[in-house]
Amino acid sequence: MRFKDKVVIVTGGAKGIGEAAVRAFSAEGAAVVIADVDDAAGEALARSLPRATFVHTDVSRMADAERAVRTAEETYGGLDALFSNAGIQLYGLIEEVSEVDYERGMGVNFKGHVWMCKYAVPALRRRGGGAIVCTSSVQALATQTTVPIYAASKAATLTLVKAIAIDHAHEGIRVNAVLPGSVDTPMLRGAAATFAPDDVEATVARWGKMHPIGRVIKPEEIARLVLFLCSDDAKACTGAAYLVDGGLMAKLPVVLPD
């Protein structure tokens, strides 16, 4: 019960990594504000938990971010942690990127962290400190083909995290990033369906075998690290990036002969 009497916001909280984190925070005693654009999934998740509230939130919109933080303070009395997790995946070569693609990709994956942190930091200050975790990606460090905007947004997130962390460390506000590899989420399965609509399971399994652990990562495995970083156990951790990638970034794409 590390989060008994604590209040947490999770963006992208209706499904995938966000849902796993919402359930984990709730299981450890937190009141959780679920911020997402999927009203049906978010409201159903909130109803299933003892202390949870859903608020429709497009994190690319500053007013929506403000409303999410205000909901936490007005409903539960404050804010102790933010898991800024909302994200979308876009594919295409740079020459194919439209202005709409750019604005949406950077809006959700990068600007969303900016707006959520903008309003979360003052709320955390009012509680005497707290924690923020932003979801980046292994693709902030090394990238696959056809994801230039996605990769750039994830790399920008790392620098944002470092900058906010050093600005507010003296206030007891800690800011970190998690960098997942391939995680078994609706977004990953949607990507698999795009590339292999008749073979989603095999495609997910094939992507998993690229990781040294031999499988894709479970959302709950990301959530466990997020909870640690938001807890008092991680009081010395700030301004850092934590890989949860099944060894992916430790592996060179070289196969030696038998």
Foldseek 3Di string as FASTA:
>chain_A
DLQALAEEEEEVLLWFLNVLLVVVNLVVHYQYEYEYQPVVSQVVSQVVGDHYHYDHADLLDLVRLLVSQVCRCVVRNFHAEYELEFAAFDFADPVPDDPVNLSSHLSNLASSVVSNCVNNVVRQLVVQEFEYEYEAACLCVPHDPGGVSNSVSSVNNLVVQLVVQVVCVVSHYAGEYEHEAAEPIPNQLVVLCVVPVPPSPVSQQVSQCLAPVRHHHYSNQVSVVVVCRRGPVNSVDHSYYHYPYNRNVVDDPDDDDD
